[in-house]
Amino acid sequence: VGQSRLARQRLAHDRELAYHDARALAIELGRGRPRAPFDPMAAGVVLWPGEAVYRQVPLALSIRSRGSWATPSTATVLVTDQRLLCRFHSGCLASLPWRHLTGLHINLAAAQITLDYADGTPIALTGVFAPVIAVAAVACTYGPAALLTHPGLESLRH
């Protein structure tokens, strides 16, 4: 019972942190000054020319194939102005560029964002830090002004 209560408290704490961090990122993006201190060499990644790092968060990723979702894989996700760079526990990296998105669905109540690409294979990102990804996705695909109007971000505007 004690561990269960601690786990619930930790989850509530993490959700609160993610909520406030997503709101802070939205404000940074609105002001045009989002940048987190980040050392790409220490992280073992190569950034694209001019690429700005916003945040680094843990999430689970799942790919939909043949009508069903694969078992989620956890990753550390580097959120930038140009893409999501996902490092899985296996060490593999996946790059999900904003410019190649063909669809974006945000469900913050379920802590899930679904990214659609032209290849027809949607990718679901889930976890308490989904609001941070949602803010970056909206700003990078629709522009910072969309942070004020996108329906998927409604819960962050309260």
N, C-alpha and C. Protein backbone atom coordinates (compact mmCIF):
# COMPACT_ATOMS: atom_id res chain seq x y z
N VAL A 1 0.83 -1.19 0.00
CA VAL A 1 0.00 0.00 0.00
C VAL A 1 0.87 1.25 0.00
N GLY A 2 1.95 1.25 0.80
CA GLY A 2 2.85 2.40 0.89
C GLY A 2 3.54 2.69 -0.43
N GLN A 3 4.00 1.63 -1.12
CA GLN A 3 4.67 1.81 -2.41
C GLN A 3 3.70 2.33 -3.45
N SER A 4 2.48 1.85 -3.41
CA SER A 4 1.46 2.30 -4.35
C SER A 4 1.18 3.78 -4.17
N ARG A 5 1.07 4.21 -2.93
CA ARG A 5 0.84 5.62 -2.64
C ARG A 5 2.02 6.47 -3.08
N LEU A 6 3.23 5.98 -2.82
CA LEU A 6 4.43 6.71 -3.26
C LEU A 6 4.50 6.81 -4.78
N ALA A 7 4.14 5.74 -5.45
CA ALA A 7 4.14 5.75 -6.92
C ALA A 7 3.13 6.76 -7.45
N ARG A 8 1.95 6.82 -6.84
CA ARG A 8 0.93 7.79 -7.26
C ARG A 8 1.40 9.23 -7.01
N GLN A 9 2.04 9.43 -5.86
CA GLN A 9 2.56 10.76 -5.54
C GLN A 9 3.65 11.17 -6.52
N ARG A 10 4.52 10.24 -6.85
CA ARG A 10 5.61 10.52 -7.81
C ARG A 10 5.03 10.86 -9.18
N LEU A 11 4.04 10.09 -9.62
CA LEU A 11 3.41 10.35 -10.90
C LEU A 11 2.74 11.72 -10.92
N ALA A 12 2.03 12.05 -9.85
CA ALA A 12 1.38 13.37 -9.76
C ALA A 12 2.43 14.48 -9.78
N HIS A 13 3.53 14.28 -9.09
CA HIS A 13 4.62 15.26 -9.08
C HIS A 13 5.21 15.43 -10.48
N ASP A 14 5.48 14.31 -11.17
CA ASP A 14 6.04 14.37 -12.53
C ASP A 14 5.08 15.05 -13.49
N ARG A 15 3.78 14.76 -13.36
CA ARG A 15 2.79 15.41 -14.22
C ARG A 15 2.77 16.92 -14.00
N GLU A 16 2.87 17.32 -12.75
CA GLU A 16 2.89 18.75 -12.42
C GLU A 16 4.14 19.41 -13.01
N LEU A 17 5.29 18.76 -12.88
CA LEU A 17 6.53 19.28 -13.47
C LEU A 17 6.40 19.41 -14.99
N ALA A 18 5.87 18.39 -15.63
CA ALA A 18 5.73 18.40 -17.09
C ALA A 18 4.77 19.50 -17.53
N TYR A 19 3.68 19.67 -16.82
CA TYR A 19 2.70 20.71 -17.13
C TYR A 19 3.37 22.09 -17.09
N HIS A 20 4.09 22.35 -16.00
CA HIS A 20 4.74 23.66 -15.87
C HIS A 20 5.88 23.84 -16.87
N ASP A 21 6.59 22.76 -17.18
CA ASP A 21 7.67 22.86 -18.17
C ASP A 21 7.10 23.11 -19.56
N ALA A 22 5.98 22.49 -19.88
CA ALA A 22 5.34 22.72 -21.19
C ALA A 22 4.88 24.18 -21.29
N ARG A 23 4.29 24.70 -20.23
CA ARG A 23 3.87 26.11 -20.23
C ARG A 23 5.09 27.03 -20.35
N ALA A 24 6.18 26.71 -19.66
CA ALA A 24 7.39 27.51 -19.74
C ALA A 24 7.96 27.48 -21.17
N LEU A 25 7.95 26.32 -21.79
CA LEU A 25 8.44 26.22 -23.17
C LEU A 25 7.58 27.05 -24.11
N ALA A 26 6.26 27.02 -23.91
CA ALA A 26 5.36 27.83 -24.75
C ALA A 26 5.70 29.32 -24.63
N ILE A 27 5.98 29.76 -23.41
CA ILE A 27 6.34 31.17 -23.20
C ILE A 27 7.68 31.47 -23.87
N GLU A 28 8.65 30.57 -23.73
CA GLU A 28 9.96 30.75 -24.37
C GLU A 28 9.81 30.83 -25.89
N LEU A 29 9.00 29.94 -26.44
CA LEU A 29 8.79 29.93 -27.90
C LEU A 29 8.09 31.21 -28.35
N GLY A 30 7.14 31.67 -27.57
CA GLY A 30 6.43 32.90 -27.89
C GLY A 30 7.36 34.11 -27.89
N ARG A 31 8.34 34.08 -27.01
CA ARG A 31 9.31 35.17 -26.93
C ARG A 31 10.47 35.00 -27.90
N GLY A 32 10.54 33.81 -28.53
CA GLY A 32 11.61 33.55 -29.48
C GLY A 32 12.95 33.25 -28.83
N ARG A 33 12.93 32.77 -27.59
CA ARG A 33 14.19 32.50 -26.89
C ARG A 33 14.25 31.12 -26.25
N PRO A 34 13.82 30.09 -26.94
CA PRO A 34 13.90 28.76 -26.32
C PRO A 34 15.26 28.11 -26.61
N ARG A 35 15.96 27.79 -25.61
CA ARG A 35 17.21 27.07 -25.78
C ARG A 35 17.62 26.52 -24.43
N ALA A 36 17.87 25.23 -24.41
CA ALA A 36 18.33 24.58 -23.19
C ALA A 36 19.82 24.34 -23.32
N PRO A 37 20.58 24.48 -22.23
CA PRO A 37 22.00 24.15 -22.32
C PRO A 37 22.15 22.67 -22.64
N PHE A 38 22.94 22.38 -23.66
CA PHE A 38 23.04 20.99 -24.11
C PHE A 38 24.39 20.78 -24.78
N ASP A 39 25.05 19.70 -24.46
CA ASP A 39 26.33 19.34 -25.06
C ASP A 39 26.12 18.12 -25.96
N PRO A 40 26.03 18.34 -27.28
CA PRO A 40 25.77 17.20 -28.17
C PRO A 40 26.87 16.15 -28.15
N MET A 41 28.12 16.55 -27.95
CA MET A 41 29.21 15.57 -27.92
C MET A 41 29.07 14.65 -26.71
N ALA A 42 28.72 15.22 -25.57
CA ALA A 42 28.53 14.39 -24.38
C ALA A 42 27.37 13.42 -24.56
N ALA A 43 26.35 13.85 -25.30
CA ALA A 43 25.18 13.00 -25.54
C ALA A 43 25.41 12.03 -26.69
N GLY A 44 26.46 12.23 -27.45
CA GLY A 44 26.76 11.34 -28.57
C GLY A 44 25.82 11.53 -29.76
N VAL A 45 25.37 12.77 -29.97
CA VAL A 45 24.49 13.05 -31.11
C VAL A 45 25.11 14.16 -31.96
N VAL A 46 24.67 14.22 -33.19
CA VAL A 46 25.09 15.28 -34.10
C VAL A 46 23.87 16.11 -34.44
N LEU A 47 23.95 17.38 -34.11
CA LEU A 47 22.85 18.29 -34.42
C LEU A 47 23.00 18.81 -35.84
N TRP A 48 21.88 19.17 -36.45
CA TRP A 48 21.91 19.77 -37.77
C TRP A 48 22.38 21.22 -37.65
N PRO A 49 22.92 21.79 -38.71
CA PRO A 49 23.36 23.19 -38.65
C PRO A 49 22.24 24.11 -38.16
N GLY A 50 22.55 24.90 -37.14
CA GLY A 50 21.59 25.86 -36.60
C GLY A 50 20.50 25.27 -35.73
N GLU A 51 20.52 23.98 -35.50
CA GLU A 51 19.47 23.32 -34.72
C GLU A 51 19.53 23.74 -33.25
N ALA A 52 18.39 24.14 -32.70
CA ALA A 52 18.30 24.59 -31.31
C ALA A 52 17.61 23.52 -30.47
N VAL A 53 18.24 23.15 -29.37
CA VAL A 53 17.68 22.16 -28.44
C VAL A 53 16.76 22.88 -27.47
N TYR A 54 15.54 22.33 -27.32
CA TYR A 54 14.57 22.90 -26.38
C TYR A 54 14.56 22.16 -25.05
N ARG A 55 14.45 20.85 -25.12
CA ARG A 55 14.33 20.03 -23.91
C ARG A 55 14.84 18.63 -24.20
N GLN A 56 15.04 17.87 -23.11
CA GLN A 56 15.35 16.45 -23.19
C GLN A 56 14.43 15.76 -22.19
N VAL A 57 13.58 14.85 -22.67
CA VAL A 57 12.57 14.23 -21.81
C VAL A 57 12.47 12.72 -22.07
N PRO A 58 12.03 11.96 -21.06
CA PRO A 58 11.77 10.53 -21.27
C PRO A 58 10.36 10.32 -21.80
N LEU A 59 10.22 9.42 -22.76
CA LEU A 59 8.90 9.06 -23.31
C LEU A 59 8.92 7.62 -23.78
N ALA A 60 7.74 7.12 -24.09
CA ALA A 60 7.60 5.81 -24.72
C ALA A 60 7.11 6.03 -26.14
N LEU A 61 7.65 5.28 -27.07
CA LEU A 61 7.26 5.39 -28.48
C LEU A 61 6.73 4.05 -28.96
N SER A 62 5.70 4.13 -29.78
CA SER A 62 5.11 2.93 -30.36
C SER A 62 4.74 3.21 -31.81
N ILE A 63 4.94 2.23 -32.66
CA ILE A 63 4.63 2.36 -34.08
C ILE A 63 3.40 1.52 -34.40
N ARG A 64 2.53 2.07 -35.21
CA ARG A 64 1.34 1.33 -35.64
C ARG A 64 1.64 0.65 -36.97
N SER A 65 1.47 -0.65 -36.97
CA SER A 65 1.74 -1.44 -38.17
C SER A 65 0.65 -2.48 -38.34
N ARG A 66 0.11 -2.57 -39.53
CA ARG A 66 -0.94 -3.55 -39.85
C ARG A 66 -2.14 -3.45 -38.91
N GLY A 67 -2.48 -2.22 -38.54
CA GLY A 67 -3.68 -1.98 -37.75
C GLY A 67 -3.55 -2.09 -36.25
N SER A 68 -2.37 -2.44 -35.75
CA SER A 68 -2.22 -2.52 -34.30
C SER A 68 -0.93 -1.83 -33.86
N TRP A 69 -0.94 -1.40 -32.60
CA TRP A 69 0.22 -0.70 -32.05
C TRP A 69 1.22 -1.70 -31.50
N ALA A 70 2.49 -1.48 -31.81
CA ALA A 70 3.57 -2.31 -31.27
C ALA A 70 3.74 -2.00 -29.78
N THR A 71 4.40 -2.88 -29.07
CA THR A 71 4.72 -2.64 -27.67
C THR A 71 5.60 -1.39 -27.58
N PRO A 72 5.25 -0.47 -26.70
CA PRO A 72 6.05 0.76 -26.60
C PRO A 72 7.49 0.51 -26.17
N SER A 73 8.40 1.31 -26.71
CA SER A 73 9.81 1.30 -26.33
C SER A 73 10.12 2.62 -25.67
N THR A 74 10.84 2.57 -24.56
CA THR A 74 11.18 3.82 -23.88
C THR A 74 12.42 4.43 -24.51
N ALA A 75 12.45 5.77 -24.49
CA ALA A 75 13.57 6.49 -25.08
C ALA A 75 13.75 7.82 -24.36
N THR A 76 14.94 8.34 -24.46
CA THR A 76 15.20 9.71 -24.07
C THR A 76 15.07 10.53 -25.34
N VAL A 77 14.19 11.52 -25.31
CA VAL A 77 13.86 12.27 -26.52
C VAL A 77 14.43 13.68 -26.41
N LEU A 78 15.26 14.03 -27.38
CA LEU A 78 15.80 15.37 -27.49
C LEU A 78 14.83 16.16 -28.36
N VAL A 79 14.27 17.22 -27.80
CA VAL A 79 13.28 18.03 -28.49
C VAL A 79 13.98 19.26 -29.04
N THR A 80 13.94 19.43 -30.36
CA THR A 80 14.61 20.57 -30.98
C THR A 80 13.63 21.33 -31.88
N ASP A 81 14.12 22.40 -32.45
CA ASP A 81 13.29 23.18 -33.36
C ASP A 81 13.12 22.50 -34.71
N GLN A 82 13.88 21.44 -34.98
CA GLN A 82 13.80 20.78 -36.27
C GLN A 82 13.29 19.34 -36.22
N ARG A 83 13.35 18.74 -35.03
CA ARG A 83 12.97 17.32 -34.95
C ARG A 83 12.92 16.83 -33.52
N LEU A 84 12.52 15.57 -33.40
CA LEU A 84 12.68 14.81 -32.17
C LEU A 84 13.80 13.81 -32.45
N LEU A 85 14.77 13.76 -31.58
CA LEU A 85 15.87 12.82 -31.73
C LEU A 85 15.76 11.85 -30.55
N CYS A 86 15.42 10.60 -30.84
CA CYS A 86 15.08 9.62 -29.81
C CYS A 86 16.20 8.61 -29.64
N ARG A 87 16.73 8.52 -28.42
CA ARG A 87 17.73 7.49 -28.13
C ARG A 87 17.06 6.42 -27.28
N PHE A 88 17.00 5.22 -27.87
CA PHE A 88 16.39 4.08 -27.18
C PHE A 88 17.40 3.43 -26.24
N HIS A 89 16.92 2.63 -25.32
CA HIS A 89 17.80 1.99 -24.36
C HIS A 89 18.81 1.07 -25.04
N SER A 90 18.51 0.62 -26.24
CA SER A 90 19.45 -0.21 -27.00
C SER A 90 20.62 0.62 -27.52
N GLY A 91 20.49 1.95 -27.46
CA GLY A 91 21.52 2.83 -27.99
C GLY A 91 21.18 3.38 -29.37
N CYS A 92 20.20 2.77 -30.03
CA CYS A 92 19.80 3.22 -31.37
C CYS A 92 19.17 4.61 -31.30
N LEU A 93 19.38 5.37 -32.37
CA LEU A 93 18.80 6.70 -32.50
C LEU A 93 17.76 6.71 -33.61
N ALA A 94 16.70 7.47 -33.41
CA ALA A 94 15.70 7.70 -34.45
C ALA A 94 15.47 9.19 -34.55
N SER A 95 15.42 9.71 -35.77
CA SER A 95 15.19 11.13 -36.01
C SER A 95 13.81 11.30 -36.61
N LEU A 96 12.98 12.14 -35.97
CA LEU A 96 11.62 12.39 -36.43
C LEU A 96 11.50 13.88 -36.75
N PRO A 97 11.78 14.26 -37.99
CA PRO A 97 11.76 15.69 -38.35
C PRO A 97 10.35 16.27 -38.40
N TRP A 98 10.22 17.48 -37.87
CA TRP A 98 8.93 18.18 -37.91
C TRP A 98 8.51 18.43 -39.35
N ARG A 99 9.45 18.76 -40.23
CA ARG A 99 9.11 19.17 -41.59
C ARG A 99 8.50 18.04 -42.43
N HIS A 100 8.63 16.81 -41.98
CA HIS A 100 8.07 15.69 -42.73
C HIS A 100 6.73 15.22 -42.20
N LEU A 101 6.20 15.90 -41.16
CA LEU A 101 4.90 15.51 -40.60
C LEU A 101 3.78 15.74 -41.62
N THR A 102 2.87 14.79 -41.67
CA THR A 102 1.65 14.96 -42.48
C THR A 102 0.42 15.01 -41.59
N GLY A 103 0.57 14.68 -40.32
CA GLY A 103 -0.54 14.73 -39.38
C GLY A 103 -0.04 14.80 -37.96
N LEU A 104 -0.82 15.46 -37.11
CA LEU A 104 -0.46 15.63 -35.71
C LEU A 104 -1.74 15.58 -34.88
N HIS A 105 -1.79 14.63 -33.96
CA HIS A 105 -2.95 14.51 -33.06
C HIS A 105 -2.45 14.57 -31.63
N ILE A 106 -3.03 15.47 -30.85
CA ILE A 106 -2.62 15.66 -29.46
C ILE A 106 -3.78 15.30 -28.54
N ASN A 107 -3.52 14.42 -27.58
CA ASN A 107 -4.49 14.05 -26.56
C ASN A 107 -3.78 14.12 -25.22
N LEU A 108 -3.76 15.31 -24.62
CA LEU A 108 -3.03 15.48 -23.37
C LEU A 108 -3.70 14.77 -22.21
N ALA A 109 -5.01 14.55 -22.27
CA ALA A 109 -5.70 13.80 -21.20
C ALA A 109 -5.15 12.38 -21.13
N ALA A 110 -4.78 11.82 -22.27
CA ALA A 110 -4.20 10.48 -22.32
C ALA A 110 -2.68 10.53 -22.33
N ALA A 111 -2.09 11.73 -22.25
CA ALA A 111 -0.64 11.93 -22.31
C ALA A 111 -0.06 11.29 -23.57
N GLN A 112 -0.71 11.56 -24.72
CA GLN A 112 -0.28 10.94 -25.98
C GLN A 112 -0.31 11.93 -27.13
N ILE A 113 0.71 11.85 -27.95
CA ILE A 113 0.80 12.61 -29.20
C ILE A 113 1.04 11.59 -30.31
N THR A 114 0.30 11.70 -31.38
CA THR A 114 0.50 10.81 -32.52
C THR A 114 1.02 11.63 -33.69
N LEU A 115 2.14 11.20 -34.23
CA LEU A 115 2.76 11.84 -35.38
C LEU A 115 2.52 10.97 -36.60
N ASP A 116 2.03 11.58 -37.67
CA ASP A 116 1.84 10.86 -38.92
C ASP A 116 2.85 11.36 -39.94
N TYR A 117 3.44 10.42 -40.64
CA TYR A 117 4.38 10.73 -41.71
C TYR A 117 3.85 10.16 -43.01
N ALA A 118 4.40 10.58 -44.12
CA ALA A 118 3.91 10.19 -45.44
C ALA A 118 3.99 8.69 -45.69
N ASP A 119 4.82 7.98 -44.95
CA ASP A 119 4.94 6.53 -45.17
C ASP A 119 3.75 5.75 -44.62
N GLY A 120 2.81 6.44 -43.95
CA GLY A 120 1.61 5.78 -43.45
C GLY A 120 1.80 4.99 -42.17
N THR A 121 2.91 5.21 -41.48
CA THR A 121 3.18 4.51 -40.24
C THR A 121 3.15 5.51 -39.08
N PRO A 122 2.02 5.65 -38.39
CA PRO A 122 1.95 6.60 -37.28
C PRO A 122 2.84 6.18 -36.11
N ILE A 123 3.30 7.19 -35.39
CA ILE A 123 4.14 6.97 -34.22
C ILE A 123 3.45 7.65 -33.04
N ALA A 124 3.21 6.88 -31.98
CA ALA A 124 2.61 7.42 -30.77
C ALA A 124 3.70 7.65 -29.73
N LEU A 125 3.66 8.84 -29.14
CA LEU A 125 4.57 9.19 -28.06
C LEU A 125 3.72 9.35 -26.80
N THR A 126 4.06 8.61 -25.76
CA THR A 126 3.26 8.66 -24.54
C THR A 126 4.16 8.85 -23.32
N GLY A 127 3.58 9.45 -22.31
CA GLY A 127 4.28 9.64 -21.05
C GLY A 127 3.94 10.98 -20.44
N VAL A 128 4.37 11.18 -19.20
CA VAL A 128 4.01 12.40 -18.50
C VAL A 128 4.57 13.65 -19.17
N PHE A 129 5.64 13.53 -19.94
CA PHE A 129 6.23 14.70 -20.59
C PHE A 129 5.67 14.94 -21.99
N ALA A 130 4.58 14.27 -22.33
CA ALA A 130 3.91 14.50 -23.62
C ALA A 130 3.54 15.97 -23.84
N PRO A 131 3.13 16.72 -22.80
CA PRO A 131 2.80 18.13 -23.03
C PRO A 131 3.98 18.95 -23.59
N VAL A 132 5.19 18.62 -23.19
CA VAL A 132 6.37 19.32 -23.71
C VAL A 132 6.50 19.06 -25.21
N ILE A 133 6.32 17.81 -25.60
CA ILE A 133 6.39 17.46 -27.03
C ILE A 133 5.26 18.15 -27.79
N ALA A 134 4.08 18.19 -27.19
CA ALA A 134 2.93 18.81 -27.85
C ALA A 134 3.19 20.28 -28.15
N VAL A 135 3.74 21.00 -27.19
CA VAL A 135 4.04 22.42 -27.38
C VAL A 135 5.04 22.60 -28.51
N ALA A 136 6.12 21.83 -28.48
CA ALA A 136 7.13 21.94 -29.54
C ALA A 136 6.54 21.57 -30.90
N ALA A 137 5.75 20.50 -30.95
CA ALA A 137 5.16 20.06 -32.22
C ALA A 137 4.27 21.14 -32.83
N VAL A 138 3.43 21.75 -32.01
CA VAL A 138 2.54 22.80 -32.51
C VAL A 138 3.34 24.00 -32.99
N ALA A 139 4.28 24.47 -32.17
CA ALA A 139 5.06 25.65 -32.55
C ALA A 139 5.91 25.41 -33.79
N CYS A 140 6.48 24.22 -33.90
CA CYS A 140 7.39 23.94 -35.01
C CYS A 140 6.66 23.59 -36.31
N THR A 141 5.43 23.13 -36.23
CA THR A 141 4.70 22.78 -37.45
C THR A 141 3.72 23.86 -37.89
N TYR A 142 3.11 24.55 -36.95
CA TYR A 142 2.11 25.57 -37.28
C TYR A 142 2.56 26.99 -36.99
N GLY A 143 3.66 27.15 -36.24
CA GLY A 143 4.15 28.46 -35.85
C GLY A 143 3.78 28.77 -34.42
N PRO A 144 4.57 29.64 -33.76
CA PRO A 144 4.32 29.96 -32.35
C PRO A 144 2.93 30.53 -32.07
N ALA A 145 2.33 31.25 -33.02
CA ALA A 145 0.99 31.82 -32.79
C ALA A 145 -0.04 30.73 -32.55
N ALA A 146 0.17 29.54 -33.10
CA ALA A 146 -0.77 28.42 -32.93
C ALA A 146 -0.81 27.91 -31.49
N LEU A 147 0.18 28.27 -30.69
CA LEU A 147 0.16 27.87 -29.28
C LEU A 147 -1.04 28.45 -28.55
N LEU A 148 -1.54 29.57 -29.06
CA LEU A 148 -2.69 30.23 -28.44
C LEU A 148 -4.03 29.67 -28.90
N THR A 149 -4.03 28.93 -30.00
CA THR A 149 -5.30 28.49 -30.58
C THR A 149 -5.45 26.99 -30.80
N HIS A 150 -4.39 26.25 -30.82
CA HIS A 150 -4.49 24.81 -31.13
C HIS A 150 -5.34 24.12 -30.05
N PRO A 151 -6.38 23.41 -30.47
CA PRO A 151 -7.28 22.77 -29.50
C PRO A 151 -6.60 21.71 -28.63
N GLY A 152 -5.56 21.07 -29.12
CA GLY A 152 -4.86 20.05 -28.34
C GLY A 152 -4.11 20.59 -27.15
N LEU A 153 -3.88 21.90 -27.13
CA LEU A 153 -3.15 22.52 -26.03
C LEU A 153 -4.05 23.25 -25.05
N GLU A 154 -5.34 23.10 -25.20
CA GLU A 154 -6.32 23.83 -24.37
C GLU A 154 -6.03 23.66 -22.87
N SER A 155 -5.74 22.48 -22.43
CA SER A 155 -5.53 22.24 -20.99
C SER A 155 -4.30 22.97 -20.45
N LEU A 156 -3.38 23.36 -21.31
CA LEU A 156 -2.19 24.09 -20.86
C LEU A 156 -2.45 25.59 -20.74
N ARG A 157 -3.58 26.05 -21.26
CA ARG A 157 -3.87 27.48 -21.24
C ARG A 157 -4.66 27.91 -20.01
N HIS A 158 -4.78 27.05 -19.03
CA HIS A 158 -5.55 27.38 -17.81
C HIS A 158 -4.63 27.74 -16.67
